[in-house]
Amino acid sequence: MNGILYFSATGNSLYIAKRMQCVLGGDIVYIPTYTGNGGEFDKLFLVSPVYSFGLPAHVYELMPRLTRAKELVAVLNYGGMLGGADAFLYRYAQQIGLRIQSVYALKMPENYTLTFTVPRFYGKRVLKKADAAIDAVTAAVLRGEQRLPAKRKPKEKTYYKNKARWYKLARDFSVTDACVLCGKCAAVCPAGNITVAEGAVRFADKCVACLGCYHRCPQKAVVYKRRKKKDRYVCPKVDENEIGKDLIGARAARE
């Protein structure tokens, strides 16, 4: 049985994982709550967004824990620039002794939109092309093809510099008067960085820059640097309630 391990805050990686599961079968497992090493699966698939030309903190921390006995295929998705993230992942996997077979990269709608707005038509156009790209990756996997990143130097210094600063990001988050203290921001945070108590929402210093709280607040009450931007993003091809969940022993229905 295949193990499809994913990290997703707004649904892009989950959608990729579900579409792959339709063909490959297996279990879809949410990385932040996963405590295993992948040993229970026949083959491992890692589905992750690109953060700062590298990997989300939870994905980066999972990889050294994974078994070296199983083959690993990675599928990255990016909104702006890939920036050598595929080469970064491949080199990192080799350094820690994983049996990395292939690294694929797919473009998905941008969700790091704290300071700018992506035109809706552009996001829709990217998403429209996504199904064919995901299916091409799945077909290549079934054919047993090996896909390696282009030989280029990954932006490791930039990634590690930015990663070291992520914890500070939530210092610039706050909530507006639209907040109804529903607690969803705390529930979706993979780092346990948000608490809702005594009539207030508090952001601590463990942020991993996923922006789940920002995009998924029902009232759009979570704001960055007090900018009251209205645009938010959740992948329209997934049920938002499935983000952050495991999908065990089933083949997901295509959207």
C-alpha atoms as a PDB file:
ATOM      1  CA  MET A   1       0.000   0.000   0.000  1.00  0.00           C
ATOM      2  CA  ASN A   2       1.209   3.483  -0.859  1.00  0.00           C
ATOM      3  CA  GLY A   3       1.600   6.206   1.729  1.00  0.00           C
ATOM      4  CA  ILE A   4       0.863   9.724   0.472  1.00  0.00           C
ATOM      5  CA  LEU A   5       2.208  12.096   3.118  1.00  0.00           C
ATOM      6  CA  TYR A   6       1.113  15.702   2.654  1.00  0.00           C
ATOM      7  CA  PHE A   7       1.287  19.140   4.179  1.00  0.00           C
ATOM      8  CA  SER A   8      -1.359  21.676   3.269  1.00  0.00           C
ATOM      9  CA  ALA A   9      -2.765  24.841   4.812  1.00  0.00           C
ATOM     10  CA  THR A  10      -5.108  25.952   2.041  1.00  0.00           C
ATOM     11  CA  GLY A  11      -5.743  22.733   0.129  1.00  0.00           C
ATOM     12  CA  ASN A  12      -3.404  22.760  -2.888  1.00  0.00           C
ATOM     13  CA  SER A  13      -1.253  19.856  -1.714  1.00  0.00           C
ATOM     14  CA  LEU A  14      -4.290  17.967  -0.465  1.00  0.00           C
ATOM     15  CA  TYR A  15      -5.899  18.221  -3.879  1.00  0.00           C
ATOM     16  CA  ILE A  16      -2.766  16.842  -5.533  1.00  0.00           C
ATOM     17  CA  ALA A  17      -2.666  14.007  -2.997  1.00  0.00           C
ATOM     18  CA  LYS A  18      -6.335  13.140  -3.559  1.00  0.00           C
ATOM     19  CA  ARG A  19      -6.023  13.131  -7.335  1.00  0.00           C
ATOM     20  CA  MET A  20      -2.967  10.888  -7.118  1.00  0.00           C
ATOM     21  CA  GLN A  21      -4.808   8.586  -4.711  1.00  0.00           C
ATOM     22  CA  CYS A  22      -7.516   8.079  -7.326  1.00  0.00           C
ATOM     23  CA  VAL A  23      -5.000   6.195  -9.458  1.00  0.00           C
ATOM     24  CA  LEU A  24      -2.372   4.972  -7.011  1.00  0.00           C
ATOM     25  CA  GLY A  25      -4.638   4.100  -4.100  1.00  0.00           C
ATOM     26  CA  GLY A  26      -3.191   4.012  -0.606  1.00  0.00           C
ATOM     27  CA  ASP A  27      -3.561   6.239   2.441  1.00  0.00           C
ATOM     28  CA  ILE A  28      -3.335  10.021   2.569  1.00  0.00           C
ATOM     29  CA  VAL A  29      -1.640  11.132   5.787  1.00  0.00           C
ATOM     30  CA  TYR A  30      -1.366  14.663   7.219  1.00  0.00           C
ATOM     31  CA  ILE A  31       2.258  15.270   8.164  1.00  0.00           C
ATOM     32  CA  PRO A  32       1.872  17.475  11.293  1.00  0.00           C
ATOM     33  CA  THR A  33      -0.114  14.763  13.101  1.00  0.00           C
ATOM     34  CA  TYR A  34       1.805  11.780  11.726  1.00  0.00           C
ATOM     35  CA  THR A  35       4.069  10.050  14.254  1.00  0.00           C
ATOM     36  CA  GLY A  36       5.321   7.138  12.146  1.00  0.00           C
ATOM     37  CA  ASN A  37       8.347   6.698   9.904  1.00  0.00           C
ATOM     38  CA  GLY A  38       6.641   5.410   6.766  1.00  0.00           C
ATOM     39  CA  GLY A  39       7.576   1.814   7.466  1.00  0.00           C
ATOM     40  CA  GLU A  40       3.975   0.648   7.258  1.00  0.00           C
ATOM     41  CA  PHE A  41       3.800   1.588   3.557  1.00  0.00           C
ATOM     42  CA  ASP A  42       5.220  -0.114   0.465  1.00  0.00           C
ATOM     43  CA  LYS A  43       6.186   3.170  -1.189  1.00  0.00           C
ATOM     44  CA  LEU A  44       6.231   6.757   0.052  1.00  0.00           C
ATOM     45  CA  PHE A  45       4.964   9.861  -1.706  1.00  0.00           C
ATOM     46  CA  LEU A  46       5.676  13.279  -0.233  1.00  0.00           C
ATOM     47  CA  VAL A  47       3.343  16.079  -1.392  1.00  0.00           C
ATOM     48  CA  SER A  48       4.353  19.539  -0.228  1.00  0.00           C
ATOM     49  CA  PRO A  49       4.179  23.221  -1.087  1.00  0.00           C
ATOM     50  CA  VAL A  50       7.352  25.232  -1.631  1.00  0.00           C
ATOM     51  CA  TYR A  51       8.227  27.716   1.115  1.00  0.00           C
ATOM     52  CA  SER A  52      11.001  30.249   0.500  1.00  0.00           C
ATOM     53  CA  PHE A  53      12.673  28.039  -2.154  1.00  0.00           C
ATOM     54  CA  GLY A  54      12.599  25.114   0.269  1.00  0.00           C
ATOM     55  CA  LEU A  55      10.197  23.144   2.449  1.00  0.00           C
ATOM     56  CA  PRO A  56       7.629  23.863   5.171  1.00  0.00           C
ATOM     57  CA  ALA A  57       9.018  23.272   8.655  1.00  0.00           C
ATOM     58  CA  HIS A  58       6.874  20.175   9.255  1.00  0.00           C
ATOM     59  CA  VAL A  59       8.047  18.543   6.013  1.00  0.00           C
ATOM     60  CA  TYR A  60      11.677  19.426   6.689  1.00  0.00           C
ATOM     61  CA  GLU A  61      11.441  17.900  10.166  1.00  0.00           C
ATOM     62  CA  LEU A  62       9.631  14.760   8.984  1.00  0.00           C
ATOM     63  CA  MET A  63      12.145  13.717   6.350  1.00  0.00           C
ATOM     64  CA  PRO A  64      14.986  12.620   8.680  1.00  0.00           C
ATOM     65  CA  ARG A  65      12.455  10.442  10.494  1.00  0.00           C
ATOM     66  CA  LEU A  66      11.405   8.510   7.401  1.00  0.00           C
ATOM     67  CA  THR A  67      12.607   4.966   6.866  1.00  0.00           C
ATOM     68  CA  ARG A  68      15.538   4.462   4.505  1.00  0.00           C
ATOM     69  CA  ALA A  69      14.080   1.097   3.479  1.00  0.00           C
ATOM     70  CA  LYS A  70      11.344   2.480   1.208  1.00  0.00           C
ATOM     71  CA  GLU A  71      11.477   4.388  -2.064  1.00  0.00           C
ATOM     72  CA  LEU A  72      10.407   8.022  -1.916  1.00  0.00           C
ATOM     73  CA  VAL A  73       8.813  10.160  -4.622  1.00  0.00           C
ATOM     74  CA  ALA A  74       8.318  13.870  -3.914  1.00  0.00           C
ATOM     75  CA  VAL A  75       5.764  16.167  -5.544  1.00  0.00           C
ATOM     76  CA  LEU A  76       6.234  19.877  -4.884  1.00  0.00           C
ATOM     77  CA  ASN A  77       3.823  22.647  -5.765  1.00  0.00           C
ATOM     78  CA  TYR A  78       4.634  26.337  -6.012  1.00  0.00           C
ATOM     79  CA  GLY A  79       2.704  29.530  -6.657  1.00  0.00           C
ATOM     80  CA  GLY A  80       5.374  32.027  -7.623  1.00  0.00           C
ATOM     81  CA  MET A  81       8.860  30.689  -8.325  1.00  0.00           C
ATOM     82  CA  LEU A  82      10.173  27.179  -7.794  1.00  0.00           C
ATOM     83  CA  GLY A  83      13.588  28.692  -7.190  1.00  0.00           C
ATOM     84  CA  GLY A  84      15.476  25.403  -7.078  1.00  0.00           C
ATOM     85  CA  ALA A  85      13.287  23.943  -4.315  1.00  0.00           C
ATOM     86  CA  ASP A  86      13.269  20.629  -6.172  1.00  0.00           C
ATOM     87  CA  ALA A  87      17.065  20.557  -6.131  1.00  0.00           C
ATOM     88  CA  PHE A  88      17.018  21.508  -2.444  1.00  0.00           C
ATOM     89  CA  LEU A  89      14.704  18.633  -1.552  1.00  0.00           C
ATOM     90  CA  TYR A  90      16.688  16.142  -3.616  1.00  0.00           C
ATOM     91  CA  ARG A  91      20.010  17.148  -2.053  1.00  0.00           C
ATOM     92  CA  TYR A  92      18.527  17.146   1.453  1.00  0.00           C
ATOM     93  CA  ALA A  93      17.026  13.685   0.931  1.00  0.00           C
ATOM     94  CA  GLN A  94      20.370  12.353  -0.277  1.00  0.00           C
ATOM     95  CA  GLN A  95      22.209  13.906   2.666  1.00  0.00           C
ATOM     96  CA  ILE A  96      19.998  12.116   5.177  1.00  0.00           C
ATOM     97  CA  GLY A  97      20.127   8.821   3.297  1.00  0.00           C
ATOM     98  CA  LEU A  98      16.597   8.563   1.911  1.00  0.00           C
ATOM     99  CA  ARG A  99      15.934   6.481  -1.211  1.00  0.00           C
ATOM    100  CA  ILE A 100      14.693   9.443  -3.227  1.00  0.00           C
ATOM    101  CA  GLN A 101      13.616   8.314  -6.698  1.00  0.00           C
ATOM    102  CA  SER A 102      12.008  11.355  -8.287  1.00  0.00           C
ATOM    103  CA  VAL A 103      11.099  14.961  -7.587  1.00  0.00           C
ATOM    104  CA  TYR A 104       8.239  16.547  -9.520  1.00  0.00           C
ATOM    105  CA  ALA A 105       7.168  20.194  -9.439  1.00  0.00           C
ATOM    106  CA  LEU A 106       3.713  21.547 -10.260  1.00  0.00           C
ATOM    107  CA  LYS A 107       2.386  25.079 -10.436  1.00  0.00           C
ATOM    108  CA  MET A 108      -0.667  25.785  -8.279  1.00  0.00           C
ATOM    109  CA  PRO A 109      -2.449  29.021  -7.297  1.00  0.00           C
ATOM    110  CA  GLU A 110      -0.381  31.358  -5.099  1.00  0.00           C
ATOM    111  CA  ASN A 111      -1.493  31.675  -1.480  1.00  0.00           C
ATOM    112  CA  TYR A 112       1.274  33.767   0.075  1.00  0.00           C
ATOM    113  CA  THR A 113      -0.697  36.952  -0.508  1.00  0.00           C
ATOM    114  CA  LEU A 114      -0.170  38.978   2.639  1.00  0.00           C
ATOM    115  CA  THR A 115       1.096  42.043   0.799  1.00  0.00           C
ATOM    116  CA  PHE A 116      -0.207  41.600  -2.756  1.00  0.00           C
ATOM    117  CA  THR A 117      -3.263  40.341  -4.581  1.00  0.00           C
ATOM    118  CA  VAL A 118      -3.240  37.687  -7.296  1.00  0.00           C
ATOM    119  CA  PRO A 119      -5.859  38.385 -10.003  1.00  0.00           C
ATOM    120  CA  ARG A 120      -8.650  35.842  -9.772  1.00  0.00           C
ATOM    121  CA  PHE A 121      -8.489  35.029 -13.463  1.00  0.00           C
ATOM    122  CA  TYR A 122      -4.833  34.057 -13.099  1.00  0.00           C
ATOM    123  CA  GLY A 123      -5.521  31.709 -10.197  1.00  0.00           C
ATOM    124  CA  LYS A 124      -8.378  30.090 -12.100  1.00  0.00           C
ATOM    125  CA  ARG A 125      -6.167  29.639 -15.154  1.00  0.00           C
ATOM    126  CA  VAL A 126      -3.443  27.958 -13.110  1.00  0.00           C
ATOM    127  CA  LEU A 127      -5.951  25.664 -11.433  1.00  0.00           C
ATOM    128  CA  LYS A 128      -7.528  24.764 -14.766  1.00  0.00           C
ATOM    129  CA  LYS A 129      -4.191  23.397 -15.953  1.00  0.00           C
ATOM    130  CA  ALA A 130      -3.443  21.579 -12.715  1.00  0.00           C
ATOM    131  CA  ASP A 131      -5.409  18.385 -13.364  1.00  0.00           C
ATOM    132  CA  ALA A 132      -3.469  17.538 -16.522  1.00  0.00           C
ATOM    133  CA  ALA A 133      -0.173  18.265 -14.763  1.00  0.00           C
ATOM    134  CA  ILE A 134      -1.051  16.062 -11.786  1.00  0.00           C
ATOM    135  CA  ASP A 135      -2.210  13.260 -14.055  1.00  0.00           C
ATOM    136  CA  ALA A 136       1.048  13.485 -16.012  1.00  0.00           C
ATOM    137  CA  VAL A 137       3.006  13.035 -12.784  1.00  0.00           C
ATOM    138  CA  THR A 138       0.880  10.046 -11.767  1.00  0.00           C
ATOM    139  CA  ALA A 139       1.294   8.466 -15.200  1.00  0.00           C
ATOM    140  CA  ALA A 140       5.068   8.898 -15.007  1.00  0.00           C
ATOM    141  CA  VAL A 141       5.066   7.214 -11.598  1.00  0.00           C
ATOM    142  CA  LEU A 142       3.095   4.280 -12.977  1.00  0.00           C
ATOM    143  CA  ARG A 143       5.588   3.934 -15.833  1.00  0.00           C
ATOM    144  CA  GLY A 144       8.405   3.805 -13.315  1.00  0.00           C
ATOM    145  CA  GLU A 145      10.137   6.877 -14.720  1.00  0.00           C
ATOM    146  CA  GLN A 146      12.814   8.620 -12.695  1.00  0.00           C
ATOM    147  CA  ARG A 147      12.635  12.417 -12.673  1.00  0.00           C
ATOM    148  CA  LEU A 148      15.565  14.282 -11.160  1.00  0.00           C
ATOM    149  CA  PRO A 149      15.892  18.054 -10.716  1.00  0.00           C
ATOM    150  CA  ALA A 150      17.959  20.077 -13.140  1.00  0.00           C
ATOM    151  CA  LYS A 151      21.554  20.464 -12.052  1.00  0.00           C
ATOM    152  CA  ARG A 152      21.474  23.842 -10.362  1.00  0.00           C
ATOM    153  CA  LYS A 153      22.474  25.161  -7.002  1.00  0.00           C
ATOM    154  CA  PRO A 154      19.521  25.415  -4.611  1.00  0.00           C
ATOM    155  CA  LYS A 155      19.021  28.645  -2.689  1.00  0.00           C
ATOM    156  CA  GLU A 156      19.916  27.069   0.626  1.00  0.00           C
ATOM    157  CA  LYS A 157      21.190  30.244   2.331  1.00  0.00           C
ATOM    158  CA  THR A 158      18.022  32.123   1.451  1.00  0.00           C
ATOM    159  CA  TYR A 159      15.829  29.267   2.639  1.00  0.00           C
ATOM    160  CA  TYR A 160      17.544  28.772   5.975  1.00  0.00           C
ATOM    161  CA  LYS A 161      17.658  32.519   6.605  1.00  0.00           C
ATOM    162  CA  ASN A 162      13.931  32.879   5.954  1.00  0.00           C
ATOM    163  CA  LYS A 163      13.028  29.709   7.827  1.00  0.00           C
ATOM    164  CA  ALA A 164      14.815  31.028  10.910  1.00  0.00           C
ATOM    165  CA  ARG A 165      12.549  34.103  10.835  1.00  0.00           C
ATOM    166  CA  TRP A 166       9.177  32.427  10.314  1.00  0.00           C
ATOM    167  CA  TYR A 167       8.425  32.320  14.044  1.00  0.00           C
ATOM    168  CA  LYS A 168       8.284  36.121  14.012  1.00  0.00           C
ATOM    169  CA  LEU A 169       5.617  36.349  11.312  1.00  0.00           C
ATOM    170  CA  ALA A 170       2.643  36.032  13.653  1.00  0.00           C
ATOM    171  CA  ARG A 171       3.810  39.067  15.596  1.00  0.00           C
ATOM    172  CA  ASP A 172       2.234  41.073  12.790  1.00  0.00           C
ATOM    173  CA  PHE A 173      -1.056  39.156  12.865  1.00  0.00           C
ATOM    174  CA  SER A 174      -4.061  40.498  14.707  1.00  0.00           C
ATOM    175  CA  VAL A 175      -7.833  40.230  14.515  1.00  0.00           C
ATOM    176  CA  THR A 176     -10.379  42.878  13.676  1.00  0.00           C
ATOM    177  CA  ASP A 177     -13.708  43.573  15.320  1.00  0.00           C
ATOM    178  CA  ALA A 178     -15.216  41.064  12.886  1.00  0.00           C
ATOM    179  CA  CYS A 179     -13.752  38.220  14.981  1.00  0.00           C
ATOM    180  CA  VAL A 180     -16.448  36.128  16.691  1.00  0.00           C
ATOM    181  CA  LEU A 181     -13.991  34.025  18.718  1.00  0.00           C
ATOM    182  CA  CYS A 182     -15.011  30.853  16.887  1.00  0.00           C
ATOM    183  CA  GLY A 183     -11.580  29.301  17.447  1.00  0.00           C
ATOM    184  CA  LYS A 184     -11.068  28.105  13.895  1.00  0.00           C
ATOM    185  CA  CYS A 185      -7.718  29.887  13.601  1.00  0.00           C
ATOM    186  CA  ALA A 186      -6.413  27.904  16.573  1.00  0.00           C
ATOM    187  CA  ALA A 187      -7.899  24.676  15.269  1.00  0.00           C
ATOM    188  CA  VAL A 188      -6.248  24.875  11.849  1.00  0.00           C
ATOM    189  CA  CYS A 189      -2.814  26.040  13.058  1.00  0.00           C
ATOM    190  CA  PRO A 190      -0.381  23.109  12.618  1.00  0.00           C
ATOM    191  CA  ALA A 191       2.081  24.621  15.112  1.00  0.00           C
ATOM    192  CA  GLY A 192      -0.291  25.246  18.018  1.00  0.00           C
ATOM    193  CA  ASN A 193       0.665  28.904  17.796  1.00  0.00           C
ATOM    194  CA  ILE A 194      -2.777  30.408  18.394  1.00  0.00           C
ATOM    195  CA  THR A 195      -4.934  30.443  21.509  1.00  0.00           C
ATOM    196  CA  VAL A 196      -8.445  31.768  21.994  1.00  0.00           C
ATOM    197  CA  ALA A 197      -9.235  32.475  25.621  1.00  0.00           C
ATOM    198  CA  GLU A 198     -10.718  35.154  27.850  1.00  0.00           C
ATOM    199  CA  GLY A 199     -12.304  36.916  24.905  1.00  0.00           C
ATOM    200  CA  ALA A 200      -9.081  37.329  22.932  1.00  0.00           C
ATOM    201  CA  VAL A 201      -7.061  35.692  20.138  1.00  0.00           C
ATOM    202  CA  ARG A 202      -3.358  35.490  20.865  1.00  0.00           C
ATOM    203  CA  PHE A 203      -0.535  34.668  18.479  1.00  0.00           C
ATOM    204  CA  ALA A 204       2.656  33.209  19.957  1.00  0.00           C
ATOM    205  CA  ASP A 205       6.169  32.790  18.538  1.00  0.00           C
ATOM    206  CA  LYS A 206       5.906  29.349  16.898  1.00  0.00           C
ATOM    207  CA  CYS A 207       4.535  30.429  13.524  1.00  0.00           C
ATOM    208  CA  VAL A 208       5.539  28.288  10.520  1.00  0.00           C
ATOM    209  CA  ALA A 209       4.265  30.776   7.905  1.00  0.00           C
ATOM    210  CA  CYS A 210       1.573  28.494   6.489  1.00  0.00           C
ATOM    211  CA  LEU A 211      -1.108  31.251   6.585  1.00  0.00           C
ATOM    212  CA  GLY A 212      -3.869  28.759   7.335  1.00  0.00           C
ATOM    213  CA  CYS A 213      -5.349  31.072   9.972  1.00  0.00           C
ATOM    214  CA  TYR A 214      -5.262  34.023   7.600  1.00  0.00           C
ATOM    215  CA  HIS A 215      -6.921  32.356   4.637  1.00  0.00           C
ATOM    216  CA  ARG A 216      -9.427  30.170   6.465  1.00  0.00           C
ATOM    217  CA  CYS A 217     -10.919  32.556   9.025  1.00  0.00           C
ATOM    218  CA  PRO A 218     -14.674  32.511   8.245  1.00  0.00           C
ATOM    219  CA  GLN A 219     -14.972  36.226   9.013  1.00  0.00           C
ATOM    220  CA  LYS A 220     -11.716  37.285   7.314  1.00  0.00           C
ATOM    221  CA  ALA A 221     -10.893  38.771  10.687  1.00  0.00           C
ATOM    222  CA  VAL A 222      -7.242  37.677  10.810  1.00  0.00           C
ATOM    223  CA  VAL A 223      -5.166  40.467   9.285  1.00  0.00           C
ATOM    224  CA  TYR A 224      -1.482  41.130   8.663  1.00  0.00           C
ATOM    225  CA  LYS A 225      -0.004  44.464   9.779  1.00  0.00           C
ATOM    226  CA  ARG A 226      -3.599  45.675  10.186  1.00  0.00           C
ATOM    227  CA  ARG A 227      -4.156  45.642   6.426  1.00  0.00           C
ATOM    228  CA  LYS A 228      -7.804  44.813   5.840  1.00  0.00           C
ATOM    229  CA  LYS A 229      -7.291  42.882   2.616  1.00  0.00           C
ATOM    230  CA  LYS A 230     -10.388  40.995   1.550  1.00  0.00           C
ATOM    231  CA  ASP A 231      -8.890  38.376  -0.756  1.00  0.00           C
ATOM    232  CA  ARG A 232      -8.336  34.935   0.738  1.00  0.00           C
ATOM    233  CA  TYR A 233      -7.587  31.575  -0.857  1.00  0.00           C
ATOM    234  CA  VAL A 234      -8.760  28.017  -0.207  1.00  0.00           C
ATOM    235  CA  CYS A 235      -8.417  25.506  -3.033  1.00  0.00           C
ATOM    236  CA  PRO A 236     -11.934  25.265  -4.493  1.00  0.00           C
ATOM    237  CA  LYS A 237     -11.382  21.652  -5.543  1.00  0.00           C
ATOM    238  CA  VAL A 238     -11.277  20.266  -2.007  1.00  0.00           C
ATOM    239  CA  ASP A 239     -13.661  20.146   0.897  1.00  0.00           C
ATOM    240  CA  GLU A 240     -12.056  22.598   3.314  1.00  0.00           C
ATOM    241  CA  ASN A 241     -13.026  20.367   6.231  1.00  0.00           C
ATOM    242  CA  GLU A 242     -10.660  17.691   4.880  1.00  0.00           C
ATOM    243  CA  ILE A 243      -7.592  19.927   5.050  1.00  0.00           C
ATOM    244  CA  GLY A 244      -5.424  18.681   7.886  1.00  0.00           C
ATOM    245  CA  LYS A 245      -7.102  15.287   7.952  1.00  0.00           C
ATOM    246  CA  ASP A 246      -6.001  11.756   7.035  1.00  0.00           C
ATOM    247  CA  LEU A 247      -7.910   9.974   4.263  1.00  0.00           C
ATOM    248  CA  ILE A 248      -7.353   6.335   5.056  1.00  0.00           C
ATOM    249  CA  GLY A 249      -8.018   3.278   2.924  1.00  0.00           C
ATOM    250  CA  ALA A 250     -10.041   4.911   0.196  1.00  0.00           C
ATOM    251  CA  ARG A 251      -9.737   6.146  -3.328  1.00  0.00           C
ATOM    252  CA  ALA A 252     -10.806   9.769  -3.410  1.00  0.00           C
ATOM    253  CA  ALA A 253     -13.496  10.731  -5.913  1.00  0.00           C
ATOM    254  CA  ARG A 254     -12.345  13.106  -8.607  1.00  0.00           C
ATOM    255  CA  GLU A 255     -13.710  16.615  -8.406  1.00  0.00           C
END
